[in-house]
Amino acid sequence: MDDNGKAILNESNRIISKLQLLSVFFGDDIIYKIYLRSQVIHQLFEDNPELDINKLELFHLQFTQTLLDLLRKIKKNNEKSILILLDEIQLNKELITKIQESVFSIEQFKLDQQRQALKINNSLRKLYQVLSDDTSEYPFSKNINSFSTRYSQDFYYEVSPSLITELTKYTPTDVYSNAYAIIQRKLMGTLCKYDFRSSFFCGLKAADMIAEVYRINDVEKHFIYLPAKELFLFCDINKLDISGSPSELSKKESFIRELTDKNEQLNNSIIMIKTTIPREIKSLLIDNYKKLNDINFLQNIGDVDVQANMLKSMLNTDMM
């Protein structure tokens, strides 16, 4: 075989190797079958030097190279679609991070509940002394209302404004009051009896109103604290509908789950899109394989040309 024939065979091997790589990438049976058939055709010319080697070159030029170009275009288009999905996934991840950063951890919330209860208990004990001694000393612990400011958005239960209004109604003759606080007389007596020991029970929010509910330790009694008025009253918790999680926290957790599930779906879509071949092109490739497999290659090279022209028409359309 002369140098020209050797060069054509070498180029044929190079082209077939590229087709093999794409068959592996797409993992599609029909592409792999076309690759195997191309090897058979190549071997036919390599084993029979008397055949016109230029027909092998023509076959690759008309058919295999066009097929390679078509598959590369499909791969490129798929990658563009994947980039769009990857951008969406990244945006979702960033949004999840922002939401998570805005939501304090439940562990931290529980720890700060204890600190807040301690502040309330110390403040009420101090208020008792101030009222008893009739002094003008400020009774409340430092930053006593920072707890509500920090956690009300995510951990307080959403209730109606009318409920908070109902829970904080009182008769002036039933309370102690000074410049700093208002407290129900019977509540003060009960707190004094149980040494001002209480635990945070829950937080309530309604529009711009915020309230905290506490349980008096060792007795099934509760009281409500309204920071805006420094008001303390007994609270009937049977009037509260606080089953489940605080609404805002549930919404944020639910949204995070939705975004996480969406990203999982997008990742699954990426796996599918990566190797997707348009149905029309898949159908044409099946027909191409049948032609390559059934024809007498040397006698019907024209049939391959027809198939190649169909591939070229696919390559030049916007159907992908």
C-alpha atoms as a PDB file:
ATOM      1  CA  MET A   1       0.000   0.000   0.000  1.00  0.00           C
ATOM      2  CA  ASP A   2       1.355   3.394  -0.985  1.00  0.00           C
ATOM      3  CA  ASP A   3       1.852   6.360   1.317  1.00  0.00           C
ATOM      4  CA  ASN A   4      -1.477   7.892   0.332  1.00  0.00           C
ATOM      5  CA  GLY A   5      -3.304   4.718   1.328  1.00  0.00           C
ATOM      6  CA  LYS A   6      -1.474   4.568   4.646  1.00  0.00           C
ATOM      7  CA  ALA A   7      -2.333   8.197   5.325  1.00  0.00           C
ATOM      8  CA  ILE A   8      -6.013   7.540   4.609  1.00  0.00           C
ATOM      9  CA  LEU A   9      -6.024   4.530   6.973  1.00  0.00           C
ATOM     10  CA  ASN A  10      -4.319   6.551   9.714  1.00  0.00           C
ATOM     11  CA  GLU A  11      -6.863   9.332   9.331  1.00  0.00           C
ATOM     12  CA  SER A  12      -9.629   6.729   9.341  1.00  0.00           C
ATOM     13  CA  ASN A  13      -8.362   5.366  12.672  1.00  0.00           C
ATOM     14  CA  ARG A  14      -8.241   8.883  14.093  1.00  0.00           C
ATOM     15  CA  ILE A  15     -11.834   9.609  13.049  1.00  0.00           C
ATOM     16  CA  ILE A  16     -13.094   6.289  14.354  1.00  0.00           C
ATOM     17  CA  SER A  17     -11.362   6.938  17.694  1.00  0.00           C
ATOM     18  CA  LYS A  18     -13.251  10.237  18.001  1.00  0.00           C
ATOM     19  CA  LEU A  19     -16.494   8.417  17.244  1.00  0.00           C
ATOM     20  CA  GLN A  20     -15.657   5.903  19.968  1.00  0.00           C
ATOM     21  CA  LEU A  21     -15.178   8.691  22.519  1.00  0.00           C
ATOM     22  CA  LEU A  22     -18.539  10.207  21.640  1.00  0.00           C
ATOM     23  CA  SER A  23     -20.240   6.813  21.772  1.00  0.00           C
ATOM     24  CA  VAL A  24     -18.885   6.404  25.302  1.00  0.00           C
ATOM     25  CA  PHE A  25     -19.981   9.925  26.252  1.00  0.00           C
ATOM     26  CA  PHE A  26     -23.558   9.517  25.037  1.00  0.00           C
ATOM     27  CA  GLY A  27     -23.767   5.885  26.126  1.00  0.00           C
ATOM     28  CA  ASP A  28     -26.229   5.260  23.312  1.00  0.00           C
ATOM     29  CA  ASP A  29     -26.464   1.834  21.714  1.00  0.00           C
ATOM     30  CA  ILE A  30     -27.053   3.070  18.177  1.00  0.00           C
ATOM     31  CA  ILE A  31     -23.987   5.334  18.202  1.00  0.00           C
ATOM     32  CA  TYR A  32     -21.907   2.466  19.530  1.00  0.00           C
ATOM     33  CA  LYS A  33     -23.240   0.198  16.781  1.00  0.00           C
ATOM     34  CA  ILE A  34     -22.371   2.789  14.139  1.00  0.00           C
ATOM     35  CA  TYR A  35     -18.904   3.017  15.643  1.00  0.00           C
ATOM     36  CA  LEU A  36     -18.480  -0.779  15.435  1.00  0.00           C
ATOM     37  CA  ARG A  37     -19.766  -0.807  11.847  1.00  0.00           C
ATOM     38  CA  SER A  38     -17.290   1.938  10.938  1.00  0.00           C
ATOM     39  CA  GLN A  39     -14.522  -0.254  12.312  1.00  0.00           C
ATOM     40  CA  VAL A  40     -15.701  -3.125  10.116  1.00  0.00           C
ATOM     41  CA  ILE A  41     -15.669  -0.876   7.055  1.00  0.00           C
ATOM     42  CA  HIS A  42     -12.205   0.377   7.962  1.00  0.00           C
ATOM     43  CA  GLN A  43     -10.952  -3.172   8.420  1.00  0.00           C
ATOM     44  CA  LEU A  44     -12.385  -4.120   5.048  1.00  0.00           C
ATOM     45  CA  PHE A  45     -10.094  -1.657   3.305  1.00  0.00           C
ATOM     46  CA  GLU A  46      -7.114  -2.406   5.507  1.00  0.00           C
ATOM     47  CA  ASP A  47      -7.347  -6.150   4.751  1.00  0.00           C
ATOM     48  CA  ASN A  48      -7.969  -5.699   1.020  1.00  0.00           C
ATOM     49  CA  PRO A  49      -5.309  -3.416  -0.491  1.00  0.00           C
ATOM     50  CA  GLU A  50      -6.775  -3.957  -3.938  1.00  0.00           C
ATOM     51  CA  LEU A  51      -9.891  -1.953  -2.983  1.00  0.00           C
ATOM     52  CA  ASP A  52     -10.106   1.725  -3.845  1.00  0.00           C
ATOM     53  CA  ILE A  53      -8.924   3.312  -0.577  1.00  0.00           C
ATOM     54  CA  ASN A  54     -10.353   6.636  -1.711  1.00  0.00           C
ATOM     55  CA  LYS A  55     -13.843   5.244  -1.078  1.00  0.00           C
ATOM     56  CA  LEU A  56     -12.966   4.864   2.619  1.00  0.00           C
ATOM     57  CA  GLU A  57     -11.869   8.467   2.674  1.00  0.00           C
ATOM     58  CA  LEU A  58     -15.102   9.448   0.941  1.00  0.00           C
ATOM     59  CA  PHE A  59     -17.140   7.469   3.452  1.00  0.00           C
ATOM     60  CA  HIS A  60     -15.601   9.296   6.387  1.00  0.00           C
ATOM     61  CA  LEU A  61     -15.765  12.634   4.642  1.00  0.00           C
ATOM     62  CA  GLN A  62     -19.409  12.272   3.687  1.00  0.00           C
ATOM     63  CA  PHE A  63     -20.752  10.298   6.632  1.00  0.00           C
ATOM     64  CA  THR A  64     -18.542   9.819   9.692  1.00  0.00           C
ATOM     65  CA  GLN A  65     -17.210  13.356   9.873  1.00  0.00           C
ATOM     66  CA  THR A  66     -20.724  14.761   9.457  1.00  0.00           C
ATOM     67  CA  LEU A  67     -21.922  12.453  12.214  1.00  0.00           C
ATOM     68  CA  LEU A  68     -19.094  13.669  14.468  1.00  0.00           C
ATOM     69  CA  ASP A  69     -20.003  17.293  13.804  1.00  0.00           C
ATOM     70  CA  LEU A  70     -23.656  16.574  14.543  1.00  0.00           C
ATOM     71  CA  LEU A  71     -22.886  14.798  17.815  1.00  0.00           C
ATOM     72  CA  ARG A  72     -20.553  17.614  18.875  1.00  0.00           C
ATOM     73  CA  LYS A  73     -23.283  20.145  18.187  1.00  0.00           C
ATOM     74  CA  ILE A  74     -25.754  18.128  20.253  1.00  0.00           C
ATOM     75  CA  LYS A  75     -23.188  17.885  23.061  1.00  0.00           C
ATOM     76  CA  LYS A  76     -22.551  21.631  22.943  1.00  0.00           C
ATOM     77  CA  ASN A  77     -26.266  22.451  22.966  1.00  0.00           C
ATOM     78  CA  ASN A  78     -26.811  20.102  25.890  1.00  0.00           C
ATOM     79  CA  GLU A  79     -23.972  21.801  27.773  1.00  0.00           C
ATOM     80  CA  LYS A  80     -25.610  25.197  27.220  1.00  0.00           C
ATOM     81  CA  SER A  81     -28.845  23.874  28.699  1.00  0.00           C
ATOM     82  CA  ILE A  82     -26.908  22.404  31.608  1.00  0.00           C
ATOM     83  CA  LEU A  83     -25.204  25.739  32.314  1.00  0.00           C
ATOM     84  CA  ILE A  84     -28.621  27.360  32.699  1.00  0.00           C
ATOM     85  CA  LEU A  85     -29.620  24.684  35.208  1.00  0.00           C
ATOM     86  CA  LEU A  86     -26.299  24.997  37.042  1.00  0.00           C
ATOM     87  CA  ASP A  87     -26.874  28.743  37.375  1.00  0.00           C
ATOM     88  CA  GLU A  88     -30.309  28.069  38.854  1.00  0.00           C
ATOM     89  CA  ILE A  89     -28.844  25.524  41.266  1.00  0.00           C
ATOM     90  CA  GLN A  90     -26.206  28.034  42.390  1.00  0.00           C
ATOM     91  CA  LEU A  91     -28.802  30.765  42.911  1.00  0.00           C
ATOM     92  CA  ASN A  92     -30.899  28.343  44.950  1.00  0.00           C
ATOM     93  CA  LYS A  93     -27.859  27.428  47.069  1.00  0.00           C
ATOM     94  CA  GLU A  94     -27.112  31.092  47.729  1.00  0.00           C
ATOM     95  CA  LEU A  95     -30.737  31.711  48.709  1.00  0.00           C
ATOM     96  CA  ILE A  96     -30.688  28.682  51.040  1.00  0.00           C
ATOM     97  CA  THR A  97     -27.528  30.042  52.686  1.00  0.00           C
ATOM     98  CA  LYS A  98     -29.107  33.469  53.186  1.00  0.00           C
ATOM     99  CA  ILE A  99     -32.238  31.961  54.717  1.00  0.00           C
ATOM    100  CA  GLN A 100     -30.195  29.698  56.987  1.00  0.00           C
ATOM    101  CA  GLU A 101     -28.109  32.653  58.126  1.00  0.00           C
ATOM    102  CA  SER A 102     -31.273  34.567  59.002  1.00  0.00           C
ATOM    103  CA  VAL A 103     -32.672  31.740  61.095  1.00  0.00           C
ATOM    104  CA  PHE A 104     -31.086  31.258  64.476  1.00  0.00           C
ATOM    105  CA  SER A 105     -30.505  27.668  65.470  1.00  0.00           C
ATOM    106  CA  ILE A 106     -33.040  25.929  67.686  1.00  0.00           C
ATOM    107  CA  GLU A 107     -30.213  24.963  70.060  1.00  0.00           C
ATOM    108  CA  GLN A 108     -29.213  28.595  70.504  1.00  0.00           C
ATOM    109  CA  PHE A 109     -32.852  29.586  70.958  1.00  0.00           C
ATOM    110  CA  LYS A 110     -33.327  27.028  73.749  1.00  0.00           C
ATOM    111  CA  LEU A 111     -30.149  28.170  75.471  1.00  0.00           C
ATOM    112  CA  ASP A 112     -31.183  31.825  75.303  1.00  0.00           C
ATOM    113  CA  GLN A 113     -34.647  30.904  76.646  1.00  0.00           C
ATOM    114  CA  GLN A 114     -32.993  29.979  79.926  1.00  0.00           C
ATOM    115  CA  ARG A 115     -31.052  33.234  80.014  1.00  0.00           C
ATOM    116  CA  GLN A 116     -34.182  35.236  79.250  1.00  0.00           C
ATOM    117  CA  ALA A 117     -36.162  33.444  81.964  1.00  0.00           C
ATOM    118  CA  LEU A 118     -33.372  34.275  84.412  1.00  0.00           C
ATOM    119  CA  LYS A 119     -33.555  37.944  83.400  1.00  0.00           C
ATOM    120  CA  ILE A 120     -37.335  37.983  83.845  1.00  0.00           C
ATOM    121  CA  ASN A 121     -37.146  36.268  87.226  1.00  0.00           C
ATOM    122  CA  ASN A 122     -34.472  38.666  88.498  1.00  0.00           C
ATOM    123  CA  SER A 123     -36.414  41.636  87.141  1.00  0.00           C
ATOM    124  CA  LEU A 124     -39.638  40.533  88.838  1.00  0.00           C
ATOM    125  CA  ARG A 125     -37.823  39.920  92.099  1.00  0.00           C
ATOM    126  CA  LYS A 126     -36.322  43.403  91.821  1.00  0.00           C
ATOM    127  CA  LEU A 127     -39.728  44.858  90.919  1.00  0.00           C
ATOM    128  CA  TYR A 128     -41.187  43.307  94.052  1.00  0.00           C
ATOM    129  CA  GLN A 129     -38.519  45.051  96.142  1.00  0.00           C
ATOM    130  CA  VAL A 130     -39.029  48.375  94.374  1.00  0.00           C
ATOM    131  CA  LEU A 131     -42.803  48.232  94.884  1.00  0.00           C
ATOM    132  CA  SER A 132     -42.409  47.139  98.495  1.00  0.00           C
ATOM    133  CA  ASP A 133     -39.922  49.896  99.283  1.00  0.00           C
ATOM    134  CA  ASP A 134     -41.756  52.435  97.110  1.00  0.00           C
ATOM    135  CA  THR A 135     -38.534  53.505  95.393  1.00  0.00           C
ATOM    136  CA  SER A 136     -37.948  54.853  91.904  1.00  0.00           C
ATOM    137  CA  GLU A 137     -35.181  52.394  91.097  1.00  0.00           C
ATOM    138  CA  TYR A 138     -35.287  50.815  87.622  1.00  0.00           C
ATOM    139  CA  PRO A 139     -36.085  47.118  88.187  1.00  0.00           C
ATOM    140  CA  PHE A 140     -35.386  45.428  84.867  1.00  0.00           C
ATOM    141  CA  SER A 141     -32.276  43.551  83.782  1.00  0.00           C
ATOM    142  CA  LYS A 142     -30.122  44.970  81.012  1.00  0.00           C
ATOM    143  CA  ASN A 143     -31.344  44.234  77.459  1.00  0.00           C
ATOM    144  CA  ILE A 144     -34.385  42.380  78.736  1.00  0.00           C
ATOM    145  CA  ASN A 145     -36.204  42.902  75.442  1.00  0.00           C
ATOM    146  CA  SER A 146     -33.360  41.907  73.131  1.00  0.00           C
ATOM    147  CA  PHE A 147     -34.534  38.290  73.273  1.00  0.00           C
ATOM    148  CA  SER A 148     -37.798  39.121  71.534  1.00  0.00           C
ATOM    149  CA  THR A 149     -36.048  41.337  69.020  1.00  0.00           C
ATOM    150  CA  ARG A 150     -33.696  38.525  68.117  1.00  0.00           C
ATOM    151  CA  TYR A 151     -36.027  35.546  68.000  1.00  0.00           C
ATOM    152  CA  SER A 152     -39.578  36.774  67.412  1.00  0.00           C
ATOM    153  CA  GLN A 153     -39.369  36.608  63.621  1.00  0.00           C
ATOM    154  CA  ASP A 154     -38.432  32.935  63.481  1.00  0.00           C
ATOM    155  CA  PHE A 155     -39.502  31.347  66.744  1.00  0.00           C
ATOM    156  CA  TYR A 156     -42.617  33.156  67.969  1.00  0.00           C
ATOM    157  CA  TYR A 157     -46.087  31.893  67.125  1.00  0.00           C
ATOM    158  CA  GLU A 158     -48.260  33.967  64.833  1.00  0.00           C
ATOM    159  CA  VAL A 159     -51.532  34.883  66.549  1.00  0.00           C
ATOM    160  CA  SER A 160     -54.265  37.428  65.945  1.00  0.00           C
ATOM    161  CA  PRO A 161     -53.877  40.953  67.368  1.00  0.00           C
ATOM    162  CA  SER A 162     -57.252  40.506  69.045  1.00  0.00           C
ATOM    163  CA  LEU A 163     -55.905  37.546  71.028  1.00  0.00           C
ATOM    164  CA  ILE A 164     -52.988  39.528  72.441  1.00  0.00           C
ATOM    165  CA  THR A 165     -55.364  42.383  73.198  1.00  0.00           C
ATOM    166  CA  GLU A 166     -57.649  39.962  75.053  1.00  0.00           C
ATOM    167  CA  LEU A 167     -54.770  38.364  76.976  1.00  0.00           C
ATOM    168  CA  THR A 168     -53.427  41.742  78.129  1.00  0.00           C
ATOM    169  CA  LYS A 169     -56.667  43.294  79.355  1.00  0.00           C
ATOM    170  CA  TYR A 170     -56.709  44.197  83.017  1.00  0.00           C
ATOM    171  CA  THR A 171     -58.609  46.167  85.607  1.00  0.00           C
ATOM    172  CA  PRO A 172     -56.537  49.033  87.072  1.00  0.00           C
ATOM    173  CA  THR A 173     -57.571  48.161  90.602  1.00  0.00           C
ATOM    174  CA  ASP A 174     -56.183  44.632  90.164  1.00  0.00           C
ATOM    175  CA  VAL A 175     -52.605  45.653  89.424  1.00  0.00           C
ATOM    176  CA  TYR A 176     -49.547  47.211  90.986  1.00  0.00           C
ATOM    177  CA  SER A 177     -47.920  49.885  88.866  1.00  0.00           C
ATOM    178  CA  ASN A 178     -45.130  52.431  88.896  1.00  0.00           C
ATOM    179  CA  ALA A 179     -43.183  54.385  86.308  1.00  0.00           C
ATOM    180  CA  TYR A 180     -41.574  51.245  84.936  1.00  0.00           C
ATOM    181  CA  ALA A 181     -44.013  48.341  85.114  1.00  0.00           C
ATOM    182  CA  ILE A 182     -47.529  47.048  85.617  1.00  0.00           C
ATOM    183  CA  ILE A 183     -48.093  43.669  87.292  1.00  0.00           C
ATOM    184  CA  GLN A 184     -51.216  41.861  88.421  1.00  0.00           C
ATOM    185  CA  ARG A 185     -51.458  41.785  92.225  1.00  0.00           C
ATOM    186  CA  LYS A 186     -52.362  38.079  92.398  1.00  0.00           C
ATOM    187  CA  LEU A 187     -49.542  37.261  89.972  1.00  0.00           C
ATOM    188  CA  MET A 188     -47.030  39.074  92.159  1.00  0.00           C
ATOM    189  CA  GLY A 189     -48.271  37.146  95.169  1.00  0.00           C
ATOM    190  CA  THR A 190     -47.960  33.807  93.358  1.00  0.00           C
ATOM    191  CA  LEU A 191     -44.466  34.635  92.073  1.00  0.00           C
ATOM    192  CA  CYS A 192     -43.370  35.609  95.542  1.00  0.00           C
ATOM    193  CA  LYS A 193     -44.763  32.333  96.913  1.00  0.00           C
ATOM    194  CA  TYR A 194     -42.742  30.298  94.405  1.00  0.00           C
ATOM    195  CA  ASP A 195     -39.584  32.392  94.787  1.00  0.00           C
ATOM    196  CA  PHE A 196     -39.891  34.062  91.381  1.00  0.00           C
ATOM    197  CA  ARG A 197     -38.933  30.888  89.530  1.00  0.00           C
ATOM    198  CA  SER A 198     -40.389  30.582  86.047  1.00  0.00           C
ATOM    199  CA  SER A 199     -39.460  29.189  82.639  1.00  0.00           C
ATOM    200  CA  PHE A 200     -39.985  30.535  79.129  1.00  0.00           C
ATOM    201  CA  PHE A 201     -43.044  28.846  77.606  1.00  0.00           C
ATOM    202  CA  CYS A 202     -43.491  30.469  74.181  1.00  0.00           C
ATOM    203  CA  GLY A 203     -43.429  33.734  72.285  1.00  0.00           C
ATOM    204  CA  LEU A 204     -46.361  35.357  70.481  1.00  0.00           C
ATOM    205  CA  LYS A 205     -46.415  37.876  67.653  1.00  0.00           C
ATOM    206  CA  ALA A 206     -49.239  39.718  65.928  1.00  0.00           C
ATOM    207  CA  ALA A 207     -48.350  42.435  63.443  1.00  0.00           C
ATOM    208  CA  ASP A 208     -46.047  44.748  65.439  1.00  0.00           C
ATOM    209  CA  MET A 209     -47.101  43.355  68.823  1.00  0.00           C
ATOM    210  CA  ILE A 210     -44.861  40.909  70.654  1.00  0.00           C
ATOM    211  CA  ALA A 211     -45.501  39.013  73.877  1.00  0.00           C
ATOM    212  CA  GLU A 212     -43.766  36.326  75.924  1.00  0.00           C
ATOM    213  CA  VAL A 213     -45.492  33.622  77.953  1.00  0.00           C
ATOM    214  CA  TYR A 214     -43.855  32.025  81.015  1.00  0.00           C
ATOM    215  CA  ARG A 215     -44.730  29.027  83.165  1.00  0.00           C
ATOM    216  CA  ILE A 216     -44.330  29.371  86.907  1.00  0.00           C
ATOM    217  CA  ASN A 217     -42.200  26.443  88.063  1.00  0.00           C
ATOM    218  CA  ASP A 218     -43.795  23.773  90.294  1.00  0.00           C
ATOM    219  CA  VAL A 219     -47.312  24.934  89.478  1.00  0.00           C
ATOM    220  CA  GLU A 220     -49.431  24.840  86.339  1.00  0.00           C
ATOM    221  CA  LYS A 221     -49.833  28.575  86.049  1.00  0.00           C
ATOM    222  CA  HIS A 222     -48.619  30.892  83.328  1.00  0.00           C
ATOM    223  CA  PHE A 223     -48.186  34.598  82.871  1.00  0.00           C
ATOM    224  CA  ILE A 224     -47.765  36.848  79.869  1.00  0.00           C
ATOM    225  CA  TYR A 225     -45.218  39.650  79.479  1.00  0.00           C
ATOM    226  CA  LEU A 226     -45.932  42.465  77.044  1.00  0.00           C
ATOM    227  CA  PRO A 227     -42.612  44.308  76.492  1.00  0.00           C
ATOM    228  CA  ALA A 228     -44.237  47.342  74.867  1.00  0.00           C
ATOM    229  CA  LYS A 229     -46.081  48.153  78.115  1.00  0.00           C
ATOM    230  CA  GLU A 230     -43.829  46.325  80.614  1.00  0.00           C
ATOM    231  CA  LEU A 231     -46.999  44.489  81.577  1.00  0.00           C
ATOM    232  CA  PHE A 232     -47.262  41.194  83.490  1.00  0.00           C
ATOM    233  CA  LEU A 233     -50.567  39.316  83.826  1.00  0.00           C
ATOM    234  CA  PHE A 234     -51.766  35.792  84.438  1.00  0.00           C
ATOM    235  CA  CYS A 235     -52.313  33.992  81.114  1.00  0.00           C
ATOM    236  CA  ASP A 236     -54.879  31.328  80.262  1.00  0.00           C
ATOM    237  CA  ILE A 237     -52.893  29.166  77.837  1.00  0.00           C
ATOM    238  CA  ASN A 238     -56.083  27.316  76.854  1.00  0.00           C
ATOM    239  CA  LYS A 239     -56.824  30.358  74.727  1.00  0.00           C
ATOM    240  CA  LEU A 240     -53.624  29.795  72.736  1.00  0.00           C
ATOM    241  CA  ASP A 241     -53.571  27.672  69.598  1.00  0.00           C
ATOM    242  CA  ILE A 242     -49.858  26.961  69.339  1.00  0.00           C
ATOM    243  CA  SER A 243     -49.662  23.351  68.189  1.00  0.00           C
ATOM    244  CA  GLY A 244     -46.765  22.569  65.842  1.00  0.00           C
ATOM    245  CA  SER A 245     -43.933  24.920  64.977  1.00  0.00           C
ATOM    246  CA  PRO A 246     -44.010  28.714  64.839  1.00  0.00           C
ATOM    247  CA  SER A 247     -45.470  29.685  61.472  1.00  0.00           C
ATOM    248  CA  GLU A 248     -42.603  31.777  60.157  1.00  0.00           C
ATOM    249  CA  LEU A 249     -40.002  29.176  61.071  1.00  0.00           C
ATOM    250  CA  SER A 250     -42.088  26.490  59.385  1.00  0.00           C
ATOM    251  CA  LYS A 251     -42.355  28.618  56.260  1.00  0.00           C
ATOM    252  CA  LYS A 252     -38.627  29.152  56.083  1.00  0.00           C
ATOM    253  CA  GLU A 253     -37.847  25.507  56.779  1.00  0.00           C
ATOM    254  CA  SER A 254     -40.419  24.487  54.181  1.00  0.00           C
ATOM    255  CA  PHE A 255     -38.919  26.897  51.635  1.00  0.00           C
ATOM    256  CA  ILE A 256     -35.434  25.534  52.293  1.00  0.00           C
ATOM    257  CA  ARG A 257     -36.746  22.000  51.743  1.00  0.00           C
ATOM    258  CA  GLU A 258     -38.447  23.119  48.513  1.00  0.00           C
ATOM    259  CA  LEU A 259     -35.240  24.679  47.221  1.00  0.00           C
ATOM    260  CA  THR A 260     -33.234  21.602  48.223  1.00  0.00           C
ATOM    261  CA  ASP A 261     -35.700  19.294  46.468  1.00  0.00           C
ATOM    262  CA  LYS A 262     -35.666  21.580  43.433  1.00  0.00           C
ATOM    263  CA  ASN A 263     -31.877  21.376  43.238  1.00  0.00           C
ATOM    264  CA  GLU A 264     -32.056  17.600  43.441  1.00  0.00           C
ATOM    265  CA  GLN A 265     -34.533  17.587  40.557  1.00  0.00           C
ATOM    266  CA  LEU A 266     -32.303  19.939  38.565  1.00  0.00           C
ATOM    267  CA  ASN A 267     -29.285  17.698  39.172  1.00  0.00           C
ATOM    268  CA  ASN A 268     -31.287  14.713  37.941  1.00  0.00           C
ATOM    269  CA  SER A 269     -32.301  16.726  34.886  1.00  0.00           C
ATOM    270  CA  ILE A 270     -28.656  17.560  34.211  1.00  0.00           C
ATOM    271  CA  ILE A 271     -27.781  13.859  34.181  1.00  0.00           C
ATOM    272  CA  MET A 272     -30.521  13.243  31.618  1.00  0.00           C
ATOM    273  CA  ILE A 273     -29.878  16.326  29.480  1.00  0.00           C
ATOM    274  CA  LYS A 274     -26.132  15.675  29.308  1.00  0.00           C
ATOM    275  CA  THR A 275     -26.546  12.718  26.936  1.00  0.00           C
ATOM    276  CA  THR A 276     -29.954  13.472  25.417  1.00  0.00           C
ATOM    277  CA  ILE A 277     -30.219  13.084  21.657  1.00  0.00           C
ATOM    278  CA  PRO A 278     -33.231  14.701  19.936  1.00  0.00           C
ATOM    279  CA  ARG A 279     -35.809  12.136  18.913  1.00  0.00           C
ATOM    280  CA  GLU A 280     -35.686  13.046  15.197  1.00  0.00           C
ATOM    281  CA  ILE A 281     -31.910  12.658  15.106  1.00  0.00           C
ATOM    282  CA  LYS A 282     -32.074   9.388  17.052  1.00  0.00           C
ATOM    283  CA  SER A 283     -34.521   8.056  14.483  1.00  0.00           C
ATOM    284  CA  LEU A 284     -32.238   9.127  11.631  1.00  0.00           C
ATOM    285  CA  LEU A 285     -29.229   7.458  13.266  1.00  0.00           C
ATOM    286  CA  ILE A 286     -31.182   4.213  13.529  1.00  0.00           C
ATOM    287  CA  ASP A 287     -31.933   4.426   9.800  1.00  0.00           C
ATOM    288  CA  ASN A 288     -28.285   5.211   9.104  1.00  0.00           C
ATOM    289  CA  TYR A 289     -27.151   2.147  10.984  1.00  0.00           C
ATOM    290  CA  LYS A 290     -29.578  -0.047   9.077  1.00  0.00           C
ATOM    291  CA  LYS A 291     -28.190   1.294   5.791  1.00  0.00           C
ATOM    292  CA  LEU A 292     -24.595   0.757   6.885  1.00  0.00           C
ATOM    293  CA  ASN A 293     -25.386  -2.695   8.169  1.00  0.00           C
ATOM    294  CA  ASP A 294     -27.476  -3.916   5.278  1.00  0.00           C
ATOM    295  CA  ILE A 295     -25.848  -2.474   2.170  1.00  0.00           C
ATOM    296  CA  ASN A 296     -22.968  -3.822   0.219  1.00  0.00           C
ATOM    297  CA  PHE A 297     -20.769  -0.887   1.051  1.00  0.00           C
ATOM    298  CA  LEU A 298     -18.715  -0.808  -2.150  1.00  0.00           C
ATOM    299  CA  GLN A 299     -21.659  -1.212  -4.489  1.00  0.00           C
ATOM    300  CA  ASN A 300     -23.996   1.204  -2.730  1.00  0.00           C
ATOM    301  CA  ILE A 301     -21.800   4.071  -1.621  1.00  0.00           C
ATOM    302  CA  GLY A 302     -24.463   6.370  -3.041  1.00  0.00           C
ATOM    303  CA  ASP A 303     -26.905   5.254  -0.338  1.00  0.00           C
ATOM    304  CA  VAL A 304     -24.423   6.397   2.270  1.00  0.00           C
ATOM    305  CA  ASP A 305     -24.195   9.745   0.517  1.00  0.00           C
ATOM    306  CA  VAL A 306     -27.957  10.135   0.771  1.00  0.00           C
ATOM    307  CA  GLN A 307     -27.834   9.396   4.486  1.00  0.00           C
ATOM    308  CA  ALA A 308     -24.921  11.796   4.897  1.00  0.00           C
ATOM    309  CA  ASN A 309     -26.872  14.578   3.227  1.00  0.00           C
ATOM    310  CA  MET A 310     -29.708  13.996   5.675  1.00  0.00           C
ATOM    311  CA  LEU A 311     -27.255  14.306   8.545  1.00  0.00           C
ATOM    312  CA  LYS A 312     -25.928  17.547   7.075  1.00  0.00           C
ATOM    313  CA  SER A 313     -29.440  18.918   6.814  1.00  0.00           C
ATOM    314  CA  MET A 314     -29.910  18.118  10.509  1.00  0.00           C
ATOM    315  CA  LEU A 315     -26.632  19.830  11.294  1.00  0.00           C
ATOM    316  CA  ASN A 316     -27.733  23.018   9.566  1.00  0.00           C
ATOM    317  CA  THR A 317     -31.147  23.307  11.236  1.00  0.00           C
ATOM    318  CA  ASP A 318     -32.199  24.821  14.543  1.00  0.00           C
ATOM    319  CA  MET A 319     -34.173  21.758  15.584  1.00  0.00           C
ATOM    320  CA  MET A 320     -31.650  20.902  18.340  1.00  0.00           C
END
